[in-house]
């Protein structure tokens, strides 16, 4: 009931080919995850000016309530669309929230 030598070799070739395909697929997936991790942090949606203001006000109200300070991302620019122009504007700019402290944004910080 043993496989013949030839049948055994064919079976091993089939197994090794399948194993190569599986290992290749895993390597490709890991490489894709690494690339997405490296470049994914820089991707952000393009929003209109009103949505950007709302995002900034929501961030500052939550951060001031929780930590008593502005969010760490306060000076990181948002990608804002105004008409056909695309601009990068931080929340701290006068066009968006325009404040440099929780109190300046009209947020009362709990003691």
N, C-alpha and C. Protein backbone atom coordinates (compact mmCIF):
# COMPACT_ATOMS: atom_id res chain seq x y z
N UNK A 1 0.80 -1.19 0.00
CA UNK A 1 0.00 0.00 0.00
C UNK A 1 0.85 1.26 0.00
N UNK A 2 2.11 1.08 -0.20
CA UNK A 2 2.98 2.25 -0.28
C UNK A 2 2.88 2.85 -1.67
N UNK A 3 3.06 4.18 -1.74
CA UNK A 3 3.08 4.83 -3.03
C UNK A 3 4.37 4.45 -3.75
N UNK A 4 4.27 4.35 -5.03
CA UNK A 4 5.48 4.08 -5.78
C UNK A 4 6.39 5.29 -5.69
N UNK A 5 7.64 5.11 -6.00
CA UNK A 5 8.62 6.18 -5.92
C UNK A 5 8.20 7.35 -6.81
N UNK A 6 7.71 7.05 -8.02
CA UNK A 6 7.31 8.10 -8.95
C UNK A 6 6.10 8.86 -8.41
N UNK A 7 5.10 8.15 -7.89
CA UNK A 7 3.91 8.79 -7.33
C UNK A 7 4.29 9.65 -6.14
N UNK A 8 5.22 9.18 -5.34
CA UNK A 8 5.68 9.94 -4.17
C UNK A 8 6.33 11.25 -4.61
N UNK A 9 7.18 11.21 -5.66
CA UNK A 9 7.83 12.42 -6.16
C UNK A 9 6.81 13.41 -6.70
N UNK A 10 5.79 12.91 -7.43
CA UNK A 10 4.76 13.80 -7.98
C UNK A 10 3.95 14.45 -6.86
N UNK A 11 3.67 13.69 -5.84
CA UNK A 11 2.94 14.23 -4.70
C UNK A 11 3.76 15.31 -4.01
N UNK A 12 5.04 15.08 -3.83
CA UNK A 12 5.91 16.06 -3.18
C UNK A 12 6.05 17.33 -4.03
N UNK A 13 6.09 17.18 -5.37
CA UNK A 13 6.15 18.35 -6.24
C UNK A 13 4.89 19.19 -6.09
N UNK A 14 3.75 18.54 -6.01
CA UNK A 14 2.48 19.24 -5.84
C UNK A 14 2.42 19.99 -4.52
N UNK A 15 2.91 19.35 -3.47
CA UNK A 15 2.91 19.98 -2.15
C UNK A 15 3.89 21.15 -2.13
N UNK A 16 5.07 20.98 -2.70
CA UNK A 16 6.05 22.06 -2.68
C UNK A 16 5.58 23.24 -3.54
N UNK A 17 4.90 22.99 -4.66
CA UNK A 17 4.39 24.08 -5.49
C UNK A 17 3.31 24.85 -4.73
N UNK A 18 2.44 24.14 -4.05
CA UNK A 18 1.41 24.79 -3.24
C UNK A 18 2.03 25.60 -2.12
N UNK A 19 3.06 25.06 -1.51
CA UNK A 19 3.74 25.76 -0.43
C UNK A 19 4.41 27.04 -0.93
N UNK A 20 5.00 26.99 -2.09
CA UNK A 20 5.63 28.18 -2.69
C UNK A 20 4.57 29.25 -2.95
N UNK A 21 3.42 28.85 -3.47
CA UNK A 21 2.35 29.81 -3.74
C UNK A 21 1.87 30.46 -2.45
N UNK A 22 1.68 29.68 -1.41
CA UNK A 22 1.21 30.20 -0.12
C UNK A 22 2.24 31.16 0.48
N UNK A 23 3.50 30.78 0.48
CA UNK A 23 4.55 31.64 1.04
C UNK A 23 4.66 32.93 0.23
N UNK A 24 4.57 32.86 -1.08
CA UNK A 24 4.61 34.06 -1.93
C UNK A 24 3.45 34.98 -1.61
N UNK A 25 2.26 34.45 -1.44
CA UNK A 25 1.09 35.26 -1.12
C UNK A 25 1.26 35.96 0.23
N UNK A 26 1.81 35.25 1.20
CA UNK A 26 2.03 35.84 2.53
C UNK A 26 3.05 36.98 2.44
N UNK A 27 4.12 36.77 1.69
CA UNK A 27 5.14 37.82 1.53
C UNK A 27 4.55 39.05 0.84
N UNK A 28 3.73 38.84 -0.18
CA UNK A 28 3.10 39.96 -0.88
C UNK A 28 2.17 40.73 0.06
N UNK A 29 1.39 40.02 0.87
CA UNK A 29 0.50 40.69 1.83
C UNK A 29 1.27 41.50 2.86
N UNK A 30 2.36 40.95 3.36
CA UNK A 30 3.17 41.67 4.34
C UNK A 30 3.78 42.91 3.70
N UNK A 31 4.26 42.80 2.48
CA UNK A 31 4.83 43.95 1.78
C UNK A 31 3.76 45.03 1.57
N UNK A 32 2.55 44.63 1.22
CA UNK A 32 1.46 45.59 1.03
C UNK A 32 1.12 46.30 2.34
N UNK A 33 1.10 45.56 3.44
CA UNK A 33 0.83 46.19 4.74
C UNK A 33 1.92 47.18 5.12
N UNK A 34 3.16 46.85 4.83
CA UNK A 34 4.26 47.78 5.14
C UNK A 34 4.12 49.05 4.31
N UNK A 35 3.83 48.91 3.03
CA UNK A 35 3.66 50.10 2.17
C UNK A 35 2.49 50.94 2.64
N UNK A 36 1.36 50.32 2.98
CA UNK A 36 0.21 51.08 3.46
C UNK A 36 0.50 51.76 4.79
N UNK A 37 1.26 51.11 5.64
CA UNK A 37 1.61 51.71 6.92
C UNK A 37 2.50 52.94 6.71
N UNK A 38 3.44 52.84 5.80
CA UNK A 38 4.35 53.96 5.56
C UNK A 38 3.62 55.13 4.94
N UNK A 39 2.82 54.89 3.91
CA UNK A 39 2.18 55.97 3.17
C UNK A 39 0.76 56.27 3.64
N UNK A 40 0.16 55.41 4.42
CA UNK A 40 -1.22 55.60 4.84
C UNK A 40 -1.40 56.74 5.83
N UNK A 41 -0.37 57.06 6.59
CA UNK A 41 -0.49 58.14 7.57
C UNK A 41 -0.65 59.49 6.94
N UNK A 42 -0.16 59.66 5.73
CA UNK A 42 -0.26 60.96 5.07
C UNK A 42 -1.55 61.16 4.31
N UNK A 43 -2.37 60.12 4.25
CA UNK A 43 -3.61 60.26 3.50
C UNK A 43 -4.70 60.80 4.41
N UNK A 44 -5.34 61.85 3.96
CA UNK A 44 -6.46 62.39 4.69
C UNK A 44 -7.48 62.91 3.68
N UNK A 45 -8.73 62.96 4.09
CA UNK A 45 -9.74 63.40 3.14
C UNK A 45 -9.64 64.90 2.87
N UNK A 46 -10.11 65.30 1.71
CA UNK A 46 -10.21 66.71 1.37
C UNK A 46 -11.61 67.16 1.78
N UNK A 47 -11.68 68.21 2.60
CA UNK A 47 -12.97 68.69 3.10
C UNK A 47 -13.17 70.14 2.70
N UNK A 48 -14.42 70.58 2.74
CA UNK A 48 -14.66 71.99 2.46
C UNK A 48 -14.39 72.80 3.72
N UNK A 49 -14.41 74.12 3.60
CA UNK A 49 -14.03 75.00 4.70
C UNK A 49 -14.94 74.84 5.91
N UNK A 50 -16.23 74.70 5.68
CA UNK A 50 -17.18 74.54 6.79
C UNK A 50 -16.91 73.24 7.55
N UNK A 51 -16.70 72.16 6.82
CA UNK A 51 -16.41 70.88 7.47
C UNK A 51 -15.09 70.95 8.25
N UNK A 52 -14.10 71.64 7.69
CA UNK A 52 -12.82 71.78 8.38
C UNK A 52 -13.00 72.55 9.68
N UNK A 53 -13.79 73.63 9.66
CA UNK A 53 -14.07 74.38 10.90
C UNK A 53 -14.72 73.48 11.94
N UNK A 54 -15.71 72.70 11.49
CA UNK A 54 -16.41 71.79 12.41
C UNK A 54 -15.46 70.75 13.00
N UNK A 55 -14.57 70.22 12.17
CA UNK A 55 -13.59 69.24 12.65
C UNK A 55 -12.71 69.88 13.72
N UNK A 56 -12.24 71.09 13.46
CA UNK A 56 -11.37 71.78 14.41
C UNK A 56 -12.09 72.06 15.72
N UNK A 57 -13.34 72.55 15.63
CA UNK A 57 -14.09 72.87 16.85
C UNK A 57 -14.41 71.62 17.65
N UNK A 58 -14.68 70.52 16.97
CA UNK A 58 -14.93 69.26 17.68
C UNK A 58 -13.65 68.77 18.37
N UNK A 59 -12.52 68.85 17.66
CA UNK A 59 -11.25 68.43 18.26
C UNK A 59 -10.91 69.26 19.48
N UNK A 60 -11.05 70.59 19.37
CA UNK A 60 -10.66 71.44 20.49
C UNK A 60 -11.60 71.27 21.67
N UNK A 61 -12.88 71.10 21.42
CA UNK A 61 -13.80 70.93 22.56
C UNK A 61 -13.54 69.62 23.29
N UNK A 62 -13.27 68.55 22.55
CA UNK A 62 -12.99 67.27 23.20
C UNK A 62 -11.66 67.30 23.94
N UNK A 63 -10.64 67.85 23.29
CA UNK A 63 -9.31 67.87 23.89
C UNK A 63 -9.28 68.76 25.13
N UNK A 64 -9.90 69.93 25.05
CA UNK A 64 -9.91 70.83 26.20
C UNK A 64 -10.68 70.23 27.37
N UNK A 65 -11.78 69.53 27.07
CA UNK A 65 -12.56 68.90 28.14
C UNK A 65 -11.80 67.76 28.79
N UNK A 66 -11.03 67.00 28.00
CA UNK A 66 -10.32 65.84 28.54
C UNK A 66 -8.97 66.18 29.15
N UNK A 67 -8.21 67.04 28.46
CA UNK A 67 -6.82 67.28 28.90
C UNK A 67 -6.58 68.70 29.40
N UNK A 68 -7.52 69.61 29.10
CA UNK A 68 -7.32 71.00 29.49
C UNK A 68 -6.36 71.74 28.56
N UNK A 69 -6.05 71.14 27.42
CA UNK A 69 -5.12 71.76 26.48
C UNK A 69 -5.59 71.51 25.06
N UNK A 70 -5.00 72.25 24.11
CA UNK A 70 -5.33 72.08 22.70
C UNK A 70 -4.89 70.70 22.22
N UNK A 71 -5.51 70.18 21.17
CA UNK A 71 -5.09 68.88 20.64
C UNK A 71 -3.66 68.95 20.11
N UNK A 72 -2.96 67.83 20.15
CA UNK A 72 -1.58 67.80 19.65
C UNK A 72 -1.53 68.07 18.16
N UNK A 73 -2.61 67.79 17.46
CA UNK A 73 -2.64 67.99 16.01
C UNK A 73 -3.14 69.39 15.62
N UNK A 74 -3.16 70.31 16.56
CA UNK A 74 -3.74 71.63 16.34
C UNK A 74 -3.03 72.41 15.22
N UNK A 75 -1.74 72.23 15.08
CA UNK A 75 -0.99 72.94 14.06
C UNK A 75 -0.70 72.10 12.82
N UNK A 76 -1.28 70.90 12.76
CA UNK A 76 -1.12 70.04 11.58
C UNK A 76 -2.17 70.46 10.55
N UNK A 77 -1.76 70.78 9.33
CA UNK A 77 -2.71 71.28 8.35
C UNK A 77 -3.74 70.24 7.90
N UNK A 78 -4.97 70.69 7.72
CA UNK A 78 -6.02 69.90 7.10
C UNK A 78 -6.01 70.22 5.61
N UNK A 79 -6.41 69.26 4.80
CA UNK A 79 -6.52 69.50 3.36
C UNK A 79 -7.91 70.04 3.08
N UNK A 80 -7.97 71.32 2.69
CA UNK A 80 -9.24 72.02 2.54
C UNK A 80 -9.43 72.42 1.08
N UNK A 81 -10.65 72.19 0.59
CA UNK A 81 -11.00 72.60 -0.77
C UNK A 81 -11.84 73.86 -0.70
N UNK A 82 -11.39 74.88 -1.41
CA UNK A 82 -12.17 76.11 -1.53
C UNK A 82 -12.35 76.36 -3.03
N UNK A 83 -13.55 76.11 -3.52
CA UNK A 83 -13.78 76.19 -4.96
C UNK A 83 -12.98 75.11 -5.66
N UNK A 84 -12.13 75.53 -6.56
CA UNK A 84 -11.28 74.56 -7.26
C UNK A 84 -9.88 74.52 -6.67
N UNK A 85 -9.63 75.31 -5.63
CA UNK A 85 -8.31 75.36 -4.99
C UNK A 85 -8.24 74.36 -3.84
N UNK A 86 -7.09 73.72 -3.71
CA UNK A 86 -6.81 72.83 -2.58
C UNK A 86 -5.74 73.51 -1.73
N UNK A 87 -6.06 73.68 -0.43
CA UNK A 87 -5.12 74.34 0.48
C UNK A 87 -4.88 73.46 1.69
N UNK A 88 -3.77 73.71 2.36
CA UNK A 88 -3.44 73.00 3.59
C UNK A 88 -3.43 74.03 4.71
N UNK A 89 -4.45 73.96 5.58
CA UNK A 89 -4.66 74.98 6.60
C UNK A 89 -4.73 74.30 7.97
N UNK A 90 -3.93 74.75 8.95
CA UNK A 90 -4.03 74.19 10.30
C UNK A 90 -5.24 74.78 11.03
N UNK A 91 -5.71 74.06 12.03
CA UNK A 91 -6.84 74.54 12.83
C UNK A 91 -6.52 75.86 13.51
N UNK A 92 -5.25 76.08 13.82
CA UNK A 92 -4.87 77.30 14.54
C UNK A 92 -4.97 78.55 13.67
N UNK A 93 -5.16 78.40 12.36
CA UNK A 93 -5.21 79.57 11.49
C UNK A 93 -6.52 80.34 11.70
N UNK A 94 -6.50 81.62 11.33
CA UNK A 94 -7.67 82.47 11.49
C UNK A 94 -8.83 81.99 10.62
N UNK A 95 -8.54 81.30 9.52
CA UNK A 95 -9.60 80.82 8.62
C UNK A 95 -10.43 79.70 9.25
N UNK A 96 -9.82 78.95 10.15
CA UNK A 96 -10.55 77.84 10.76
C UNK A 96 -10.98 78.21 12.17
N UNK A 97 -10.22 77.85 13.18
CA UNK A 97 -10.63 78.16 14.55
C UNK A 97 -10.01 79.48 15.02
N UNK A 98 -8.76 79.70 14.65
CA UNK A 98 -8.11 80.97 14.94
C UNK A 98 -7.85 81.23 16.41
N UNK A 99 -7.55 80.22 17.17
CA UNK A 99 -7.27 80.45 18.59
C UNK A 99 -6.02 79.65 18.99
N UNK A 100 -5.40 80.10 20.07
CA UNK A 100 -4.16 79.45 20.50
C UNK A 100 -4.25 78.90 21.92
N UNK A 101 -5.46 78.87 22.48
CA UNK A 101 -5.66 78.28 23.80
C UNK A 101 -7.12 77.83 23.91
N UNK A 102 -7.40 77.00 24.89
CA UNK A 102 -8.78 76.55 25.08
C UNK A 102 -9.70 77.74 25.38
N UNK A 103 -9.21 78.63 26.23
CA UNK A 103 -10.01 79.80 26.59
C UNK A 103 -10.22 80.71 25.37
N UNK A 104 -9.18 80.85 24.55
CA UNK A 104 -9.28 81.65 23.34
C UNK A 104 -10.28 81.08 22.34
N UNK A 105 -10.52 79.78 22.40
CA UNK A 105 -11.50 79.14 21.53
C UNK A 105 -12.89 79.17 22.15
N UNK A 106 -13.01 79.75 23.34
CA UNK A 106 -14.31 79.84 24.00
C UNK A 106 -14.67 78.58 24.77
N UNK A 107 -13.69 77.76 25.08
CA UNK A 107 -13.92 76.52 25.83
C UNK A 107 -13.54 76.78 27.28
N UNK A 108 -14.46 76.52 28.19
CA UNK A 108 -14.17 76.66 29.61
C UNK A 108 -13.57 75.35 30.09
N UNK A 109 -12.34 75.44 30.60
CA UNK A 109 -11.62 74.26 31.05
C UNK A 109 -12.02 73.96 32.49
N UNK A 110 -12.48 72.74 32.76
CA UNK A 110 -12.85 72.41 34.14
C UNK A 110 -11.63 72.41 35.05
N UNK A 111 -11.81 72.88 36.25
CA UNK A 111 -10.70 72.94 37.22
C UNK A 111 -10.47 71.62 37.87
